[in-house]
Amino acid sequence: MIEVSITINKEEVYEEVAQTTSYAGAKMENDDRAYDRIFTTEGDRSQLERFWNESCVAVCETLKEFVQEERSEREGFTISLGLSSSFDPALEPAMRKELFSFFVTNIVCKWYLFTNKKEAGEYAAGARVMLEGIKRKAYHRRKPTRPTKK
């Protein structure tokens, strides 16, 4: 078995959520108050924290058969996965990026349920696809190679 440990930094996720919601609010046409309504601010952190926790739970639920340990700390979320010894370690960086993107997309989706319902479904679908992508990578096996004689 190979252990893969992935840490997602909460502050980096929140920065990306703010950037995404800021951009969406600024680009809304025919709605002068969209930016103020959609953009996440420091004052929204307690609500975003709930969405962060829900995202942690969703990750653990989806990957439960692989989870060796999970830690939620002030700085972020760390999950240690016990994967097959034939897991392809070249997939680890992609898993890390996709997990980060899942957190951002899932939190934005949940925020949009309050502030931008029109786009919430699209973000929910994207988050589901990312979570399934992470699971597919965890299941992926490297093709065996024949040992060569020396």
Protein backbone atom coordinates (compact mmCIF):
# COMPACT_ATOMS: atom_id res chain seq x y z
CA MET A 1 0.00 0.00 0.00
CA ILE A 2 1.11 3.55 -0.81
CA GLU A 3 0.14 6.41 1.48
CA VAL A 4 -0.66 9.70 -0.23
CA SER A 5 -1.17 12.74 1.95
CA ILE A 6 -2.81 15.85 0.52
CA THR A 7 -3.15 19.17 2.34
CA ILE A 8 -5.48 21.92 1.18
CA ASN A 9 -4.74 25.38 2.55
CA LYS A 10 -7.93 27.09 3.71
CA GLU A 11 -6.70 30.66 3.16
CA GLU A 12 -5.73 29.87 -0.44
CA VAL A 13 -9.17 28.38 -1.06
CA TYR A 14 -10.90 31.42 0.45
CA GLU A 15 -8.76 33.74 -1.70
CA GLU A 16 -9.78 31.83 -4.82
CA VAL A 17 -13.44 31.87 -3.74
CA ALA A 18 -13.22 35.66 -3.27
CA GLN A 19 -11.60 36.06 -6.68
CA THR A 20 -14.24 33.90 -8.37
CA THR A 21 -17.19 35.64 -6.70
CA SER A 22 -15.67 39.07 -7.32
CA TYR A 23 -15.28 38.35 -11.01
CA ALA A 24 -18.82 36.95 -11.30
CA GLY A 25 -20.32 39.92 -9.48
CA ALA A 26 -18.41 42.42 -11.59
CA LYS A 27 -19.48 40.76 -14.85
CA MET A 28 -23.21 40.59 -14.03
CA GLU A 29 -25.16 42.64 -16.50
CA ASN A 30 -28.44 44.38 -15.70
CA ASP A 31 -27.85 44.18 -11.95
CA ASP A 32 -26.18 47.16 -10.31
CA ARG A 33 -26.04 45.46 -6.90
CA ALA A 34 -24.68 42.10 -8.10
CA TYR A 35 -21.09 42.79 -7.08
CA ASP A 36 -22.00 43.67 -3.48
CA ARG A 37 -24.36 40.71 -3.24
CA ILE A 38 -22.12 38.03 -4.81
CA PHE A 39 -18.57 38.98 -3.78
CA THR A 40 -17.47 37.22 -0.57
CA THR A 41 -15.90 39.42 2.09
CA GLU A 42 -14.21 38.91 5.43
CA GLY A 43 -17.63 39.32 7.06
CA ASP A 44 -18.86 36.20 5.25
CA ARG A 45 -16.17 33.96 6.77
CA SER A 46 -18.42 32.24 9.32
CA GLN A 47 -20.77 31.12 6.55
CA LEU A 48 -17.86 30.09 4.33
CA GLU A 49 -16.45 28.10 7.25
CA ARG A 50 -19.62 26.01 7.30
CA PHE A 51 -19.25 25.37 3.57
CA TRP A 52 -15.57 24.47 4.13
CA ASN A 53 -16.59 21.88 6.74
CA GLU A 54 -19.27 20.46 4.45
CA SER A 55 -16.64 20.12 1.72
CA CYS A 56 -14.32 18.22 4.09
CA VAL A 57 -17.15 15.81 4.91
CA ALA A 58 -17.96 15.31 1.21
CA VAL A 59 -14.32 14.45 0.45
CA CYS A 60 -14.17 11.93 3.30
CA GLU A 61 -17.47 10.36 2.25
CA THR A 62 -16.39 9.98 -1.36
CA LEU A 63 -12.95 8.59 -0.51
CA LYS A 64 -13.91 6.70 2.67
CA GLU A 65 -12.53 3.36 1.49
CA PHE A 66 -9.07 4.96 1.12
CA VAL A 67 -9.02 7.31 4.13
CA GLN A 68 -6.29 6.47 6.64
CA GLU A 69 -6.53 9.76 8.50
CA GLU A 70 -8.10 13.17 8.10
CA ARG A 71 -7.27 16.32 9.98
CA SER A 72 -9.07 19.63 9.93
CA GLU A 73 -7.01 22.40 11.41
CA ARG A 74 -7.14 26.17 11.36
CA GLU A 75 -4.76 26.30 8.41
CA GLY A 76 -6.52 23.69 6.33
CA PHE A 77 -7.49 20.11 5.67
CA THR A 78 -5.17 17.11 5.35
CA ILE A 79 -6.28 13.73 4.14
CA SER A 80 -4.07 10.65 4.09
CA LEU A 81 -5.11 7.97 1.66
CA GLY A 82 -4.02 4.34 1.60
CA LEU A 83 -3.86 3.48 -2.08
CA SER A 84 -2.91 0.34 -3.96
CA SER A 85 0.78 -0.39 -4.28
CA SER A 86 0.22 -0.15 -8.04
CA PHE A 87 -1.14 3.41 -7.74
CA ASP A 88 0.60 5.67 -10.23
CA PRO A 89 2.35 8.40 -8.18
CA ALA A 90 2.40 10.61 -11.27
CA LEU A 91 -1.31 11.22 -10.56
CA GLU A 92 -0.72 12.71 -7.11
CA PRO A 93 -0.18 16.32 -8.30
CA ALA A 94 -3.38 16.14 -10.38
CA MET A 95 -5.29 14.79 -7.38
CA ARG A 96 -4.00 17.67 -5.27
CA LYS A 97 -5.02 20.28 -7.87
CA GLU A 98 -8.43 18.71 -8.41
CA LEU A 99 -9.08 18.53 -4.67
CA PHE A 100 -8.20 22.22 -4.33
CA SER A 101 -10.52 23.04 -7.22
CA PHE A 102 -13.27 20.95 -5.64
CA PHE A 103 -13.08 22.97 -2.42
CA VAL A 104 -13.27 26.26 -4.33
CA THR A 105 -16.07 25.15 -6.64
CA ASN A 106 -18.11 23.51 -3.88
CA ILE A 107 -17.87 26.54 -1.61
CA VAL A 108 -18.77 28.89 -4.46
CA CYS A 109 -21.74 26.63 -5.31
CA LYS A 110 -23.05 26.76 -1.75
CA TRP A 111 -22.51 30.54 -1.59
CA TYR A 112 -24.37 30.97 -4.89
CA LEU A 113 -27.40 29.18 -3.44
CA PHE A 114 -27.82 32.39 -1.40
CA THR A 115 -26.52 35.02 -3.79
CA ASN A 116 -26.57 33.80 -7.41
CA LYS A 117 -28.99 30.88 -7.78
CA LYS A 118 -28.81 31.04 -11.57
CA GLU A 119 -25.21 29.74 -11.57
CA ALA A 120 -25.35 27.50 -8.48
CA GLY A 121 -26.38 24.37 -10.40
CA GLU A 122 -23.49 24.68 -12.81
CA TYR A 123 -21.02 24.91 -9.92
CA ALA A 124 -22.66 21.97 -8.12
CA ALA A 125 -22.28 19.81 -11.22
CA GLY A 126 -18.65 20.88 -11.57
CA ALA A 127 -17.90 20.02 -7.94
CA ARG A 128 -19.43 16.55 -8.36
CA VAL A 129 -17.34 15.90 -11.48
CA MET A 130 -14.16 16.94 -9.66
CA LEU A 131 -14.88 14.69 -6.68
CA GLU A 132 -15.51 11.74 -9.00
CA GLY A 133 -12.29 12.56 -10.85
CA ILE A 134 -10.33 12.38 -7.61
CA LYS A 135 -11.91 9.01 -6.82
CA ARG A 136 -11.11 7.69 -10.32
CA LYS A 137 -7.48 8.71 -9.86
CA ALA A 138 -7.37 6.92 -6.49
CA TYR A 139 -8.64 3.75 -8.18
CA HIS A 140 -6.31 4.01 -11.18
CA ARG A 141 -3.57 1.40 -11.35
CA ARG A 142 -0.26 1.61 -13.14
CA LYS A 143 0.13 -1.06 -15.80
CA PRO A 144 2.43 -3.79 -14.54
CA THR A 145 5.82 -4.02 -16.14
CA ARG A 146 7.76 -7.16 -16.72
CA PRO A 147 10.87 -7.45 -14.65
CA THR A 148 13.95 -7.47 -16.82
CA LYS A 149 16.86 -9.78 -16.22
CA LYS A 150 20.21 -8.19 -15.59
